[in-house]
């Protein structure tokens, strides 16, 4: 049971570290900030487990529980970042809004513009007078998605052009 409760404790430390890192003026996105916090603690946790259990089932239980917790955490906060309902709740917590303001906030054009702004901010697109172009980072991301799609045998995306 120690590996499971230990994994939960180390995960709680990773979440607390993430909260601290998010308050620092660092130019990293929120996911990468957690990868740093969770990765460093995860390495120490893995080393401790290996030193105490070797490759016994306790080692694997501790590593897998920690990894599952981290993956679930990243999934939940990235889901919340892109969730219309979560963003609406945050907006309403700041001030009262009329139905017209909410409709304007979630107009499909505004939502697409917001998505594009996020993709530009993380360095996947460049916005020029000629339009949007993929950056080198965007090209690598598309290639990675293509490889993953092929590996998992997903159909190619529909060509909109």
Protein backbone atom coordinates (compact mmCIF):
# COMPACT_ATOMS: atom_id res chain seq x y z
CA UNK A 1 0.00 0.00 0.00
CA UNK A 2 2.98 2.33 0.56
CA UNK A 3 3.63 2.76 -3.20
CA UNK A 4 0.01 3.73 -3.82
CA UNK A 5 -0.26 6.21 -0.94
CA UNK A 6 3.24 7.45 -1.68
CA UNK A 7 2.28 8.06 -5.31
CA UNK A 8 -0.76 10.03 -4.20
CA UNK A 9 1.38 12.09 -1.81
CA UNK A 10 4.02 12.82 -4.45
CA UNK A 11 1.25 13.72 -6.88
CA UNK A 12 -0.19 16.18 -4.32
CA UNK A 13 3.30 17.68 -4.11
CA UNK A 14 3.44 17.96 -7.90
CA UNK A 15 0.09 19.78 -7.96
CA UNK A 16 1.26 22.14 -5.19
CA UNK A 17 4.53 22.76 -7.07
CA UNK A 18 2.53 23.41 -10.24
CA UNK A 19 0.42 25.98 -8.41
CA UNK A 20 3.59 27.76 -7.25
CA UNK A 21 5.24 27.65 -10.69
CA UNK A 22 2.06 29.06 -12.28
CA UNK A 23 2.39 32.14 -10.08
CA UNK A 24 5.96 32.83 -11.22
CA UNK A 25 6.64 35.14 -14.17
CA UNK A 26 7.90 32.34 -16.41
CA UNK A 27 7.16 32.32 -20.15
CA UNK A 28 5.94 28.72 -20.28
CA UNK A 29 2.48 27.40 -21.01
CA UNK A 30 0.48 25.80 -18.22
CA UNK A 31 0.95 22.22 -19.43
CA UNK A 32 4.72 22.53 -19.71
CA UNK A 33 4.82 24.05 -16.22
CA UNK A 34 3.19 20.91 -14.87
CA UNK A 35 5.48 18.68 -16.91
CA UNK A 36 8.43 20.35 -15.17
CA UNK A 37 6.95 20.06 -11.66
CA UNK A 38 5.52 16.58 -12.15
CA UNK A 39 8.55 15.34 -14.07
CA UNK A 40 11.09 16.36 -11.44
CA UNK A 41 9.06 14.87 -8.58
CA UNK A 42 8.28 11.82 -10.71
CA UNK A 43 11.97 11.18 -11.31
CA UNK A 44 12.72 11.37 -7.60
CA UNK A 45 9.72 9.14 -6.84
CA UNK A 46 10.80 6.58 -9.43
CA UNK A 47 14.35 6.59 -8.05
CA UNK A 48 13.09 6.09 -4.51
CA UNK A 49 10.82 3.24 -5.58
CA UNK A 50 13.60 1.53 -7.50
CA UNK A 51 16.01 1.91 -4.59
CA UNK A 52 13.52 0.34 -2.18
CA UNK A 53 11.75 -2.25 -4.34
CA UNK A 54 13.84 -2.83 -7.47
CA UNK A 55 11.56 -3.85 -10.32
CA UNK A 56 9.12 -5.65 -8.03
CA UNK A 57 5.34 -5.12 -8.44
CA UNK A 58 5.46 -2.37 -5.78
CA UNK A 59 7.73 -0.34 -8.08
CA UNK A 60 5.32 -0.66 -10.99
CA UNK A 61 2.29 0.08 -8.81
CA UNK A 62 3.87 3.32 -7.55
CA UNK A 63 5.01 4.45 -11.00
CA UNK A 64 1.70 3.62 -12.69
CA UNK A 65 -0.47 5.25 -10.02
CA UNK A 66 1.66 8.40 -10.16
CA UNK A 67 1.57 8.44 -13.97
CA UNK A 68 -2.20 7.91 -14.02
CA UNK A 69 -2.76 10.75 -11.55
CA UNK A 70 -0.55 13.11 -13.57
CA UNK A 71 -2.25 12.20 -16.85
CA UNK A 72 -5.70 12.65 -15.34
CA UNK A 73 -4.69 16.03 -13.90
CA UNK A 74 -3.35 17.29 -17.25
CA UNK A 75 -6.44 15.99 -19.04
CA UNK A 76 -8.80 17.70 -16.60
CA UNK A 77 -7.17 21.12 -16.59
CA UNK A 78 -6.67 21.19 -20.37
CA UNK A 79 -10.31 20.15 -20.74
CA UNK A 80 -11.33 22.97 -18.40
CA UNK A 81 -9.20 25.48 -20.34
CA UNK A 82 -11.07 24.72 -23.56
CA UNK A 83 -14.48 24.11 -22.02
CA UNK A 84 -17.13 26.66 -22.92
CA UNK A 85 -19.02 25.93 -19.70
CA UNK A 86 -15.93 26.34 -17.51
CA UNK A 87 -14.96 29.59 -19.24
CA UNK A 88 -18.51 30.88 -18.94
CA UNK A 89 -18.52 30.13 -15.21
CA UNK A 90 -15.23 32.02 -14.79
CA UNK A 91 -16.56 34.97 -16.79
CA UNK A 92 -19.75 35.05 -14.72
CA UNK A 93 -17.75 34.87 -11.50
CA UNK A 94 -16.02 38.12 -12.51
CA UNK A 95 -19.16 40.05 -13.46
CA UNK A 96 -22.82 39.66 -14.37
CA UNK A 97 -23.44 39.22 -18.09
CA UNK A 98 -26.54 39.55 -20.24
CA UNK A 99 -27.60 36.81 -22.64
CA UNK A 100 -26.54 39.03 -25.55
CA UNK A 101 -23.04 39.45 -24.07
CA UNK A 102 -22.74 35.70 -23.61
CA UNK A 103 -23.87 35.06 -27.20
CA UNK A 104 -21.34 37.61 -28.44
CA UNK A 105 -18.60 36.05 -26.31
CA UNK A 106 -19.31 32.62 -27.76
CA UNK A 107 -20.00 33.67 -31.34
CA UNK A 108 -18.40 31.05 -33.59
CA UNK A 109 -16.16 33.65 -35.26
CA UNK A 110 -14.93 34.88 -31.88
CA UNK A 111 -14.27 31.30 -30.78
CA UNK A 112 -12.23 30.58 -33.91
CA UNK A 113 -10.29 33.82 -33.43
CA UNK A 114 -9.62 32.83 -29.81
CA UNK A 115 -8.35 29.41 -30.91
CA UNK A 116 -6.08 31.00 -33.51
CA UNK A 117 -4.73 33.42 -30.91
CA UNK A 118 -3.87 30.48 -28.63
CA UNK A 119 -2.13 28.61 -31.44
CA UNK A 120 -0.12 31.72 -32.34
CA UNK A 121 0.73 32.29 -28.66
CA UNK A 122 2.15 28.78 -28.25
CA UNK A 123 4.15 29.10 -31.46
CA UNK A 124 2.32 26.70 -33.78
CA UNK A 125 1.19 29.38 -36.28
CA UNK A 126 2.54 32.67 -37.53
CA UNK A 127 0.01 35.30 -38.49
CA UNK A 128 1.14 37.37 -41.50
CA UNK A 129 -0.54 39.65 -44.00
CA UNK A 130 -0.76 36.64 -46.35
CA UNK A 131 -2.60 34.58 -43.71
CA UNK A 132 -1.70 31.88 -41.24
CA UNK A 133 1.36 29.70 -41.76
CA UNK A 134 2.73 26.82 -39.74
CA UNK A 135 5.92 27.45 -37.79
CA UNK A 136 8.65 24.82 -37.54
CA UNK A 137 7.08 23.79 -34.23
CA UNK A 138 3.69 23.52 -35.96
CA UNK A 139 5.16 21.33 -38.70
CA UNK A 140 6.70 19.01 -36.06
CA UNK A 141 3.35 18.84 -34.28
CA UNK A 142 1.50 17.93 -37.49
CA UNK A 143 4.10 15.23 -38.26
CA UNK A 144 3.75 13.82 -34.75
CA UNK A 145 -0.04 13.73 -35.07
CA UNK A 146 0.32 12.00 -38.44
CA UNK A 147 2.61 9.34 -36.98
CA UNK A 148 0.29 8.79 -34.04
CA UNK A 149 -2.73 8.60 -36.33
CA UNK A 150 -0.94 5.99 -38.48
CA UNK A 151 0.22 4.03 -35.43
CA UNK A 152 -3.31 3.87 -34.00
CA UNK A 153 -4.76 3.28 -37.50
CA UNK A 154 -7.04 6.31 -37.43
CA UNK A 155 -8.31 7.57 -40.78
CA UNK A 156 -6.67 10.70 -42.20
CA UNK A 157 -8.44 13.99 -41.53
CA UNK A 158 -10.89 15.40 -44.06
CA UNK A 159 -9.17 17.85 -46.41
CA UNK A 160 -11.01 21.17 -46.15
CA UNK A 161 -9.02 22.81 -48.96
